[in-house]
Amino acid sequence: MREFLELRVAEEYAGELFAETEGKLLGTPGQQSIRKVIISTSDPRLPAIRDLQARLNANGRSFFYGWDFHRRYTPAELSAARVFHVAALPTFEPEGEECGTAYDESTVCPICKAGRQQCSPLRLDVRRIPRRGDWARSIADDWVVSARLAKAMRDAHMQGIQLDPVQPRRPASPDSSPWYQLRPAGPPVDLLPETRFGIGPFDDDTAGQYRCPVGCISGLNLLSDVHVAEPGLGMLDFAVSKQRYGVRRGQLVPRPLLLISPRLRALLVELGVRGCKIEVAQVGAPSAGVQPN
């Protein structure tokens, strides 16, 4: 696996660490421009990037603003994988609550407010669901799949999947296809401590600002590839992680990781499902004496 870090760097500081030809300028040239730079996580400049970001942050400025990790795999690594992580999906709003979906808040953690339970059918403005793919998520992690993908999942007898019709917030057009809410029908999967969470690529949140002391939330962002305990998903084709990440803020809620089997990934590839960012999850034995975040 080769891992890369994408940074959205402030152009006024980019020249301190990057060559003029390195990266891609976004927008109009000038000090306020942003340069997209992608470098390997083995690049020797990473400590310098971390230090420069810290120095600028101390003065209310920033070397980079946005960031993301990209991971590339060999055909052999993809073929040998036993579990995959769905790292990103096309996203839409408004989410279910704003459209009239009911949730039970009596079950939430008193500290981090995670753990609400949906107690009505999912209602959405289906016209806002991205049409470029068959699988999408709302900003509050309501997962929906197209009728085409739902049928393919049922025909393939995928395990661990519950599919319920989405109720349109407004009457749908006569020629529109229905959407289905995708929910796990099996137990959550435990992550290993090697799965890192934190605030940013150089900040593991050692103070625990975004970690729930009860264990509901492991951190603000996922910073590494995903590691699950043996035997991974077992007989399931779809599951979520026991650990969540994110923060309860407005309509946003802490979210679990989505995990799928090689069989479900193969189905997505066969159907040409677009917009899903899928990565290999590592499967291994739990580390002795260490608990997940």
C-alpha atoms as a PDB file:
ATOM      1  CA  MET A   1       0.000   0.000   0.000  1.00  0.00           C
ATOM      2  CA  ARG A   2       1.246   3.483  -0.883  1.00  0.00           C
ATOM      3  CA  GLU A   3      -0.123   6.352   1.197  1.00  0.00           C
ATOM      4  CA  PHE A   4      -0.265  10.013   0.185  1.00  0.00           C
ATOM      5  CA  LEU A   5      -1.295  13.191   1.983  1.00  0.00           C
ATOM      6  CA  GLU A   6      -3.177  15.875   0.062  1.00  0.00           C
ATOM      7  CA  LEU A   7      -2.807  19.382   1.468  1.00  0.00           C
ATOM      8  CA  ARG A   8      -4.530  22.627   0.518  1.00  0.00           C
ATOM      9  CA  VAL A   9      -1.598  24.974   1.098  1.00  0.00           C
ATOM     10  CA  ALA A  10      -1.741  28.770   1.406  1.00  0.00           C
ATOM     11  CA  GLU A  11       0.111  30.046  -1.667  1.00  0.00           C
ATOM     12  CA  GLU A  12       1.838  32.827   0.274  1.00  0.00           C
ATOM     13  CA  TYR A  13       3.741  30.183   2.278  1.00  0.00           C
ATOM     14  CA  ALA A  14       3.958  27.355  -0.264  1.00  0.00           C
ATOM     15  CA  GLY A  15       7.403  28.428  -1.506  1.00  0.00           C
ATOM     16  CA  GLU A  16       8.933  27.785   1.913  1.00  0.00           C
ATOM     17  CA  LEU A  17       8.737  24.007   1.398  1.00  0.00           C
ATOM     18  CA  PHE A  18       7.582  23.327  -2.154  1.00  0.00           C
ATOM     19  CA  ALA A  19       9.040  24.070  -5.573  1.00  0.00           C
ATOM     20  CA  GLU A  20       7.140  26.530  -7.757  1.00  0.00           C
ATOM     21  CA  THR A  21       6.159  23.721 -10.133  1.00  0.00           C
ATOM     22  CA  GLU A  22       4.996  21.403  -7.335  1.00  0.00           C
ATOM     23  CA  GLY A  23       1.253  20.980  -6.896  1.00  0.00           C
ATOM     24  CA  LYS A  24      -1.666  22.670  -8.632  1.00  0.00           C
ATOM     25  CA  LEU A  25      -2.809  26.244  -8.076  1.00  0.00           C
ATOM     26  CA  LEU A  26      -6.534  26.509  -7.375  1.00  0.00           C
ATOM     27  CA  GLY A  27      -8.203  29.751  -8.383  1.00  0.00           C
ATOM     28  CA  THR A  28      -6.601  33.039  -9.403  1.00  0.00           C
ATOM     29  CA  PRO A  29      -2.845  33.470  -8.750  1.00  0.00           C
ATOM     30  CA  GLY A  30      -2.069  35.629  -5.733  1.00  0.00           C
ATOM     31  CA  GLN A  31      -1.238  35.518  -2.042  1.00  0.00           C
ATOM     32  CA  GLN A  32      -4.772  34.431  -1.152  1.00  0.00           C
ATOM     33  CA  SER A  33      -4.678  31.469  -3.557  1.00  0.00           C
ATOM     34  CA  ILE A  34      -4.598  27.850  -2.482  1.00  0.00           C
ATOM     35  CA  ARG A  35      -2.255  25.238  -3.912  1.00  0.00           C
ATOM     36  CA  LYS A  36      -3.203  21.551  -3.886  1.00  0.00           C
ATOM     37  CA  VAL A  37      -0.139  19.464  -3.102  1.00  0.00           C
ATOM     38  CA  ILE A  38      -0.045  15.668  -2.841  1.00  0.00           C
ATOM     39  CA  ILE A  39       3.021  14.078  -1.260  1.00  0.00           C
ATOM     40  CA  SER A  40       3.920  10.637   0.013  1.00  0.00           C
ATOM     41  CA  THR A  41       3.589  10.122   3.772  1.00  0.00           C
ATOM     42  CA  SER A  42       7.189   8.878   3.623  1.00  0.00           C
ATOM     43  CA  ASP A  43       8.346  12.272   2.282  1.00  0.00           C
ATOM     44  CA  PRO A  44      11.149  13.635   4.532  1.00  0.00           C
ATOM     45  CA  ARG A  45       9.515  17.099   4.499  1.00  0.00           C
ATOM     46  CA  LEU A  46       6.572  15.990   6.648  1.00  0.00           C
ATOM     47  CA  PRO A  47       8.194  17.032   9.969  1.00  0.00           C
ATOM     48  CA  ALA A  48       8.961  20.461   8.471  1.00  0.00           C
ATOM     49  CA  ILE A  49       5.321  20.797   7.341  1.00  0.00           C
ATOM     50  CA  ARG A  50       4.153  19.891  10.850  1.00  0.00           C
ATOM     51  CA  ASP A  51       6.513  22.418  12.475  1.00  0.00           C
ATOM     52  CA  LEU A  52       5.632  25.230  10.061  1.00  0.00           C
ATOM     53  CA  GLN A  53       1.924  24.634  10.583  1.00  0.00           C
ATOM     54  CA  ALA A  54       2.423  24.805  14.366  1.00  0.00           C
ATOM     55  CA  ARG A  55       4.419  28.063  14.144  1.00  0.00           C
ATOM     56  CA  LEU A  56       1.852  29.736  11.913  1.00  0.00           C
ATOM     57  CA  ASN A  57      -1.080  28.478  14.008  1.00  0.00           C
ATOM     58  CA  ALA A  58       0.512  30.093  17.064  1.00  0.00           C
ATOM     59  CA  ASN A  59       0.166  33.448  15.260  1.00  0.00           C
ATOM     60  CA  GLY A  60      -3.373  32.862  14.026  1.00  0.00           C
ATOM     61  CA  ARG A  61      -2.307  31.831  10.526  1.00  0.00           C
ATOM     62  CA  SER A  62      -2.053  28.524   8.698  1.00  0.00           C
ATOM     63  CA  PHE A  63       0.277  26.818   6.246  1.00  0.00           C
ATOM     64  CA  PHE A  64      -2.471  24.482   5.056  1.00  0.00           C
ATOM     65  CA  TYR A  65      -6.235  24.417   5.516  1.00  0.00           C
ATOM     66  CA  GLY A  66      -7.766  21.297   3.966  1.00  0.00           C
ATOM     67  CA  TRP A  67      -6.214  17.812   3.996  1.00  0.00           C
ATOM     68  CA  ASP A  68      -7.037  14.249   3.010  1.00  0.00           C
ATOM     69  CA  PHE A  69      -5.310  10.882   2.790  1.00  0.00           C
ATOM     70  CA  HIS A  70      -5.182   8.766  -0.373  1.00  0.00           C
ATOM     71  CA  ARG A  71      -4.135   5.127  -0.427  1.00  0.00           C
ATOM     72  CA  ARG A  72      -3.247   3.055  -3.480  1.00  0.00           C
ATOM     73  CA  TYR A  73      -3.076  -0.721  -3.625  1.00  0.00           C
ATOM     74  CA  THR A  74      -1.549  -3.313  -5.893  1.00  0.00           C
ATOM     75  CA  PRO A  75      -3.835  -5.858  -7.600  1.00  0.00           C
ATOM     76  CA  ALA A  76      -2.370  -8.504  -5.275  1.00  0.00           C
ATOM     77  CA  GLU A  77      -3.305  -6.455  -2.176  1.00  0.00           C
ATOM     78  CA  LEU A  78      -6.853  -5.953  -3.435  1.00  0.00           C
ATOM     79  CA  SER A  79      -7.218  -9.645  -4.259  1.00  0.00           C
ATOM     80  CA  ALA A  80      -5.947 -10.741  -0.825  1.00  0.00           C
ATOM     81  CA  ALA A  81      -8.053  -8.299   1.208  1.00  0.00           C
ATOM     82  CA  ARG A  82     -10.650  -9.827   3.526  1.00  0.00           C
ATOM     83  CA  VAL A  83     -12.363  -6.583   4.565  1.00  0.00           C
ATOM     84  CA  PHE A  84     -12.783  -3.207   2.859  1.00  0.00           C
ATOM     85  CA  HIS A  85     -13.517   0.219   4.324  1.00  0.00           C
ATOM     86  CA  VAL A  86     -15.935   2.534   2.502  1.00  0.00           C
ATOM     87  CA  ALA A  87     -14.006   5.730   3.196  1.00  0.00           C
ATOM     88  CA  ALA A  88     -16.247   8.204   1.344  1.00  0.00           C
ATOM     89  CA  LEU A  89     -19.607   8.393  -0.391  1.00  0.00           C
ATOM     90  CA  PRO A  90     -21.451  11.105  -2.354  1.00  0.00           C
ATOM     91  CA  THR A  91     -23.004  13.371   0.286  1.00  0.00           C
ATOM     92  CA  PHE A  92     -26.216  15.389   0.331  1.00  0.00           C
ATOM     93  CA  GLU A  93     -28.460  17.518   2.538  1.00  0.00           C
ATOM     94  CA  PRO A  94     -30.903  18.080   4.126  1.00  0.00           C
ATOM     95  CA  GLU A  95     -30.641  15.033   6.343  1.00  0.00           C
ATOM     96  CA  GLY A  96     -33.416  12.899   7.802  1.00  0.00           C
ATOM     97  CA  GLU A  97     -34.251  14.934  10.906  1.00  0.00           C
ATOM     98  CA  GLU A  98     -34.849  18.122   8.933  1.00  0.00           C
ATOM     99  CA  CYS A  99     -37.167  16.173   6.617  1.00  0.00           C
ATOM    100  CA  GLY A 100     -39.311  14.788   9.453  1.00  0.00           C
ATOM    101  CA  THR A 101     -37.537  11.567  10.484  1.00  0.00           C
ATOM    102  CA  ALA A 102     -38.024  10.892  14.226  1.00  0.00           C
ATOM    103  CA  TYR A 103     -35.164   9.971  16.566  1.00  0.00           C
ATOM    104  CA  ASP A 104     -35.118   8.792  20.167  1.00  0.00           C
ATOM    105  CA  GLU A 105     -32.682  10.962  22.137  1.00  0.00           C
ATOM    106  CA  SER A 106     -33.214   9.148  25.453  1.00  0.00           C
ATOM    107  CA  THR A 107     -30.445   6.692  24.576  1.00  0.00           C
ATOM    108  CA  VAL A 108     -27.655   9.221  23.901  1.00  0.00           C
ATOM    109  CA  CYS A 109     -24.497   9.433  25.960  1.00  0.00           C
ATOM    110  CA  PRO A 110     -24.868  12.231  28.557  1.00  0.00           C
ATOM    111  CA  ILE A 111     -21.302  13.415  27.813  1.00  0.00           C
ATOM    112  CA  CYS A 112     -20.855  13.339  24.026  1.00  0.00           C
ATOM    113  CA  LYS A 113     -24.553  13.035  22.982  1.00  0.00           C
ATOM    114  CA  ALA A 114     -23.797  10.148  20.624  1.00  0.00           C
ATOM    115  CA  GLY A 115     -26.078   7.150  20.204  1.00  0.00           C
ATOM    116  CA  ARG A 116     -29.502   8.446  19.217  1.00  0.00           C
ATOM    117  CA  GLN A 117     -31.841   5.855  17.704  1.00  0.00           C
ATOM    118  CA  GLN A 118     -33.990   6.292  14.609  1.00  0.00           C
ATOM    119  CA  CYS A 119     -37.586   5.470  15.523  1.00  0.00           C
ATOM    120  CA  SER A 120     -39.520   6.155  12.313  1.00  0.00           C
ATOM    121  CA  PRO A 121     -39.086   5.416   8.629  1.00  0.00           C
ATOM    122  CA  LEU A 122     -36.407   7.570   7.006  1.00  0.00           C
ATOM    123  CA  ARG A 123     -37.869  10.635   5.301  1.00  0.00           C
ATOM    124  CA  LEU A 124     -35.732  12.560   2.829  1.00  0.00           C
ATOM    125  CA  ASP A 125     -35.992  15.054   0.015  1.00  0.00           C
ATOM    126  CA  VAL A 126     -35.106  12.404  -2.554  1.00  0.00           C
ATOM    127  CA  ARG A 127     -34.618  15.062  -5.224  1.00  0.00           C
ATOM    128  CA  ARG A 128     -31.434  16.134  -3.381  1.00  0.00           C
ATOM    129  CA  ILE A 129     -29.813  12.699  -3.429  1.00  0.00           C
ATOM    130  CA  PRO A 130     -26.883  12.723  -5.903  1.00  0.00           C
ATOM    131  CA  ARG A 131     -27.797  11.036  -9.169  1.00  0.00           C
ATOM    132  CA  ARG A 132     -24.220  10.206 -10.135  1.00  0.00           C
ATOM    133  CA  GLY A 133     -24.101   7.066  -8.011  1.00  0.00           C
ATOM    134  CA  ASP A 134     -26.116   4.286  -6.426  1.00  0.00           C
ATOM    135  CA  TRP A 135     -24.946   4.739  -2.832  1.00  0.00           C
ATOM    136  CA  ALA A 136     -24.935   8.027  -0.931  1.00  0.00           C
ATOM    137  CA  ARG A 137     -25.054   9.481   2.570  1.00  0.00           C
ATOM    138  CA  SER A 138     -26.651  12.526   4.147  1.00  0.00           C
ATOM    139  CA  ILE A 139     -24.546  14.907   6.241  1.00  0.00           C
ATOM    140  CA  ALA A 140     -25.917  13.021   9.288  1.00  0.00           C
ATOM    141  CA  ASP A 141     -25.014   9.603   7.869  1.00  0.00           C
ATOM    142  CA  ASP A 142     -28.370   8.420   6.604  1.00  0.00           C
ATOM    143  CA  TRP A 143     -27.144   5.830   4.064  1.00  0.00           C
ATOM    144  CA  VAL A 144     -29.275   5.257   1.000  1.00  0.00           C
ATOM    145  CA  VAL A 145     -28.946   3.038  -2.069  1.00  0.00           C
ATOM    146  CA  SER A 146     -30.723   3.076  -5.404  1.00  0.00           C
ATOM    147  CA  ALA A 147     -33.395   0.552  -6.369  1.00  0.00           C
ATOM    148  CA  ARG A 148     -30.877  -0.969  -8.780  1.00  0.00           C
ATOM    149  CA  LEU A 149     -28.276  -1.591  -6.090  1.00  0.00           C
ATOM    150  CA  ALA A 150     -30.876  -2.716  -3.545  1.00  0.00           C
ATOM    151  CA  LYS A 151     -32.176  -5.358  -5.962  1.00  0.00           C
ATOM    152  CA  ALA A 152     -28.646  -6.551  -6.754  1.00  0.00           C
ATOM    153  CA  MET A 153     -27.883  -6.885  -3.028  1.00  0.00           C
ATOM    154  CA  ARG A 154     -31.040  -8.895  -2.444  1.00  0.00           C
ATOM    155  CA  ASP A 155     -30.481 -11.106  -5.488  1.00  0.00           C
ATOM    156  CA  ALA A 156     -26.938 -11.841  -4.273  1.00  0.00           C
ATOM    157  CA  HIS A 157     -28.245 -12.653  -0.761  1.00  0.00           C
ATOM    158  CA  MET A 158     -25.883 -10.201   0.908  1.00  0.00           C
ATOM    159  CA  GLN A 159     -25.662 -10.799   4.650  1.00  0.00           C
ATOM    160  CA  GLY A 160     -25.876  -8.144   7.367  1.00  0.00           C
ATOM    161  CA  ILE A 161     -27.973  -5.765   5.278  1.00  0.00           C
ATOM    162  CA  GLN A 162     -31.371  -4.267   6.063  1.00  0.00           C
ATOM    163  CA  LEU A 163     -33.101  -2.321   3.291  1.00  0.00           C
ATOM    164  CA  ASP A 164     -36.137  -0.130   4.017  1.00  0.00           C
ATOM    165  CA  PRO A 165     -37.959   2.169   1.573  1.00  0.00           C
ATOM    166  CA  VAL A 166     -37.193   5.874   1.972  1.00  0.00           C
ATOM    167  CA  GLN A 167     -40.290   8.029   2.395  1.00  0.00           C
ATOM    168  CA  PRO A 168     -40.086  11.085   0.087  1.00  0.00           C
ATOM    169  CA  ARG A 169     -40.471  14.406   1.868  1.00  0.00           C
ATOM    170  CA  ARG A 170     -42.440  15.650  -1.116  1.00  0.00           C
ATOM    171  CA  PRO A 171     -44.211  13.632  -3.806  1.00  0.00           C
ATOM    172  CA  ALA A 172     -41.627  12.225  -6.205  1.00  0.00           C
ATOM    173  CA  SER A 173     -41.980  12.571  -9.958  1.00  0.00           C
ATOM    174  CA  PRO A 174     -43.749   9.643 -11.674  1.00  0.00           C
ATOM    175  CA  ASP A 175     -40.605   8.579 -13.519  1.00  0.00           C
ATOM    176  CA  SER A 176     -38.280   8.631 -10.478  1.00  0.00           C
ATOM    177  CA  SER A 177     -36.960   5.400  -8.973  1.00  0.00           C
ATOM    178  CA  PRO A 178     -37.307   4.677  -5.257  1.00  0.00           C
ATOM    179  CA  TRP A 179     -34.436   4.838  -2.771  1.00  0.00           C
ATOM    180  CA  TYR A 180     -33.780   2.494   0.119  1.00  0.00           C
ATOM    181  CA  GLN A 181     -32.204   3.139   3.487  1.00  0.00           C
ATOM    182  CA  LEU A 182     -29.256   0.830   4.111  1.00  0.00           C
ATOM    183  CA  ARG A 183     -28.806  -0.248   7.730  1.00  0.00           C
ATOM    184  CA  PRO A 184     -26.631  -2.930   9.369  1.00  0.00           C
ATOM    185  CA  ALA A 185     -28.468  -6.103  10.374  1.00  0.00           C
ATOM    186  CA  GLY A 186     -25.589  -7.605  12.327  1.00  0.00           C
ATOM    187  CA  PRO A 187     -23.368  -6.721  15.286  1.00  0.00           C
ATOM    188  CA  PRO A 188     -20.819  -3.885  15.056  1.00  0.00           C
ATOM    189  CA  VAL A 189     -17.175  -4.675  14.404  1.00  0.00           C
ATOM    190  CA  ASP A 190     -14.437  -3.799  16.899  1.00  0.00           C
ATOM    191  CA  LEU A 191     -11.476  -1.758  15.677  1.00  0.00           C
ATOM    192  CA  LEU A 192      -7.904  -2.393  16.788  1.00  0.00           C
ATOM    193  CA  PRO A 193      -5.760   0.306  18.477  1.00  0.00           C
ATOM    194  CA  GLU A 194      -3.712   0.607  15.271  1.00  0.00           C
ATOM    195  CA  THR A 195      -6.675   2.554  13.841  1.00  0.00           C
ATOM    196  CA  ARG A 196      -5.677   6.149  14.593  1.00  0.00           C
ATOM    197  CA  PHE A 197      -8.044   9.023  15.252  1.00  0.00           C
ATOM    198  CA  GLY A 198      -7.197  12.671  15.880  1.00  0.00           C
ATOM    199  CA  ILE A 199      -7.791  16.279  14.910  1.00  0.00           C
ATOM    200  CA  GLY A 200      -5.507  16.491  11.877  1.00  0.00           C
ATOM    201  CA  PRO A 201      -2.672  14.709  10.082  1.00  0.00           C
ATOM    202  CA  PHE A 202      -0.127  16.012  12.638  1.00  0.00           C
ATOM    203  CA  ASP A 203      -2.401  16.159  15.700  1.00  0.00           C
ATOM    204  CA  ASP A 204      -3.419  12.914  17.425  1.00  0.00           C
ATOM    205  CA  ASP A 205      -5.421  14.869  20.042  1.00  0.00           C
ATOM    206  CA  THR A 206      -3.333  13.639  22.960  1.00  0.00           C
ATOM    207  CA  ALA A 207      -5.416  15.806  25.305  1.00  0.00           C
ATOM    208  CA  GLY A 208      -8.547  13.884  24.314  1.00  0.00           C
ATOM    209  CA  GLN A 209     -10.537  16.985  23.348  1.00  0.00           C
ATOM    210  CA  TYR A 210     -12.709  15.031  20.896  1.00  0.00           C
ATOM    211  CA  ARG A 211     -12.680  11.634  22.611  1.00  0.00           C
ATOM    212  CA  CYS A 212     -15.536  10.537  24.817  1.00  0.00           C
ATOM    213  CA  PRO A 213     -14.268   9.194  28.185  1.00  0.00           C
ATOM    214  CA  VAL A 214     -17.046   6.611  28.116  1.00  0.00           C
ATOM    215  CA  GLY A 215     -15.708   5.291  24.797  1.00  0.00           C
ATOM    216  CA  CYS A 216     -18.525   6.328  22.439  1.00  0.00           C
ATOM    217  CA  ILE A 217     -16.314   8.549  20.246  1.00  0.00           C
ATOM    218  CA  SER A 218     -12.688   7.748  19.405  1.00  0.00           C
ATOM    219  CA  GLY A 219     -11.757  11.118  17.913  1.00  0.00           C
ATOM    220  CA  LEU A 220     -12.658  13.852  15.471  1.00  0.00           C
ATOM    221  CA  ASN A 221     -11.170  12.410  12.263  1.00  0.00           C
ATOM    222  CA  LEU A 222      -9.801   9.115  10.996  1.00  0.00           C
ATOM    223  CA  LEU A 223      -6.035   9.450  10.444  1.00  0.00           C
ATOM    224  CA  SER A 224      -4.948   5.976   9.312  1.00  0.00           C
ATOM    225  CA  ASP A 225      -6.062   2.935   7.433  1.00  0.00           C
ATOM    226  CA  VAL A 226      -8.563   0.772   9.297  1.00  0.00           C
ATOM    227  CA  HIS A 227      -7.571  -2.233  11.412  1.00  0.00           C
ATOM    228  CA  VAL A 228     -10.176  -4.761  12.554  1.00  0.00           C
ATOM    229  CA  ALA A 229      -9.851  -7.775  14.820  1.00  0.00           C
ATOM    230  CA  GLU A 230     -10.041 -11.352  13.671  1.00  0.00           C
ATOM    231  CA  PRO A 231     -12.171 -12.643  12.027  1.00  0.00           C
ATOM    232  CA  GLY A 232     -13.139  -9.306  10.525  1.00  0.00           C
ATOM    233  CA  LEU A 233     -16.716  -9.350   9.267  1.00  0.00           C
ATOM    234  CA  GLY A 234     -17.161 -13.082   9.758  1.00  0.00           C
ATOM    235  CA  MET A 235     -20.071 -14.154   7.552  1.00  0.00           C
ATOM    236  CA  LEU A 236     -21.365 -10.600   7.037  1.00  0.00           C
ATOM    237  CA  ASP A 237     -21.091  -8.591   3.836  1.00  0.00           C
ATOM    238  CA  PHE A 238     -21.828  -5.246   5.510  1.00  0.00           C
ATOM    239  CA  ALA A 239     -21.209  -3.937   9.023  1.00  0.00           C
ATOM    240  CA  VAL A 240     -20.345  -0.784  10.909  1.00  0.00           C
ATOM    241  CA  SER A 241     -17.643  -0.221  13.504  1.00  0.00           C
ATOM    242  CA  LYS A 242     -18.388  -0.165  17.197  1.00  0.00           C
ATOM    243  CA  GLN A 243     -16.266   2.972  17.507  1.00  0.00           C
ATOM    244  CA  ARG A 244     -17.498   6.309  16.147  1.00  0.00           C
ATOM    245  CA  TYR A 245     -15.702   9.490  15.178  1.00  0.00           C
ATOM    246  CA  GLY A 246     -16.781  13.095  14.674  1.00  0.00           C
ATOM    247  CA  VAL A 247     -18.762  15.438  16.902  1.00  0.00           C
ATOM    248  CA  ARG A 248     -22.396  16.161  17.735  1.00  0.00           C
ATOM    249  CA  ARG A 249     -22.931  19.658  16.386  1.00  0.00           C
ATOM    250  CA  GLY A 250     -26.174  20.920  14.860  1.00  0.00           C
ATOM    251  CA  GLN A 251     -27.344  18.281  12.397  1.00  0.00           C
ATOM    252  CA  LEU A 252     -23.978  16.511  12.388  1.00  0.00           C
ATOM    253  CA  VAL A 253     -23.643  13.337  14.443  1.00  0.00           C
ATOM    254  CA  PRO A 254     -20.675  11.053  15.268  1.00  0.00           C
ATOM    255  CA  ARG A 255     -20.380   8.348  12.621  1.00  0.00           C
ATOM    256  CA  PRO A 256     -19.171   4.750  12.520  1.00  0.00           C
ATOM    257  CA  LEU A 257     -16.907   3.328   9.828  1.00  0.00           C
ATOM    258  CA  LEU A 258     -18.561   1.362   7.018  1.00  0.00           C
ATOM    259  CA  LEU A 259     -17.048  -2.065   6.349  1.00  0.00           C
ATOM    260  CA  ILE A 260     -17.846  -4.409   3.471  1.00  0.00           C
ATOM    261  CA  SER A 261     -16.796  -7.861   2.301  1.00  0.00           C
ATOM    262  CA  PRO A 262     -14.862  -8.653  -0.891  1.00  0.00           C
ATOM    263  CA  ARG A 263     -18.133 -10.066  -2.234  1.00  0.00           C
ATOM    264  CA  LEU A 264     -19.964  -6.750  -1.831  1.00  0.00           C
ATOM    265  CA  ARG A 265     -17.016  -4.800  -3.243  1.00  0.00           C
ATOM    266  CA  ALA A 266     -17.019  -7.084  -6.296  1.00  0.00           C
ATOM    267  CA  LEU A 267     -20.738  -6.382  -6.760  1.00  0.00           C
ATOM    268  CA  LEU A 268     -20.124  -2.617  -6.637  1.00  0.00           C
ATOM    269  CA  VAL A 269     -17.376  -2.972  -9.241  1.00  0.00           C
ATOM    270  CA  GLU A 270     -19.549  -5.186 -11.453  1.00  0.00           C
ATOM    271  CA  LEU A 271     -22.398  -2.647 -11.385  1.00  0.00           C
ATOM    272  CA  GLY A 272     -20.050   0.268 -11.993  1.00  0.00           C
ATOM    273  CA  VAL A 273     -21.172   2.079  -8.842  1.00  0.00           C
ATOM    274  CA  ARG A 274     -19.524   5.511  -8.846  1.00  0.00           C
ATOM    275  CA  GLY A 275     -18.496   7.893  -6.087  1.00  0.00           C
ATOM    276  CA  CYS A 276     -17.478   5.291  -3.487  1.00  0.00           C
ATOM    277  CA  LYS A 277     -13.948   5.608  -2.104  1.00  0.00           C
ATOM    278  CA  ILE A 278     -13.037   2.094  -0.994  1.00  0.00           C
ATOM    279  CA  GLU A 279      -9.868   1.162   0.883  1.00  0.00           C
ATOM    280  CA  VAL A 280      -8.399  -2.081   2.179  1.00  0.00           C
ATOM    281  CA  ALA A 281      -8.936  -2.720   5.901  1.00  0.00           C
ATOM    282  CA  GLN A 282      -6.255  -4.642   7.763  1.00  0.00           C
ATOM    283  CA  VAL A 283      -7.287  -7.751   9.716  1.00  0.00           C
ATOM    284  CA  GLY A 284      -5.233  -8.907  12.673  1.00  0.00           C
ATOM    285  CA  ALA A 285      -5.206 -10.171  16.218  1.00  0.00           C
ATOM    286  CA  PRO A 286      -5.921  -7.668  19.028  1.00  0.00           C
ATOM    287  CA  SER A 287      -2.836  -6.065  20.543  1.00  0.00           C
ATOM    288  CA  ALA A 288      -2.144  -7.546  23.968  1.00  0.00           C
ATOM    289  CA  GLY A 289      -3.114  -5.315  26.855  1.00  0.00           C
ATOM    290  CA  VAL A 290      -4.160  -2.394  24.633  1.00  0.00           C
ATOM    291  CA  GLN A 291      -7.707  -1.180  24.177  1.00  0.00           C
ATOM    292  CA  PRO A 292      -9.049   0.577  21.055  1.00  0.00           C
ATOM    293  CA  ASN A 293      -9.425   4.380  21.215  1.00  0.00           C
END
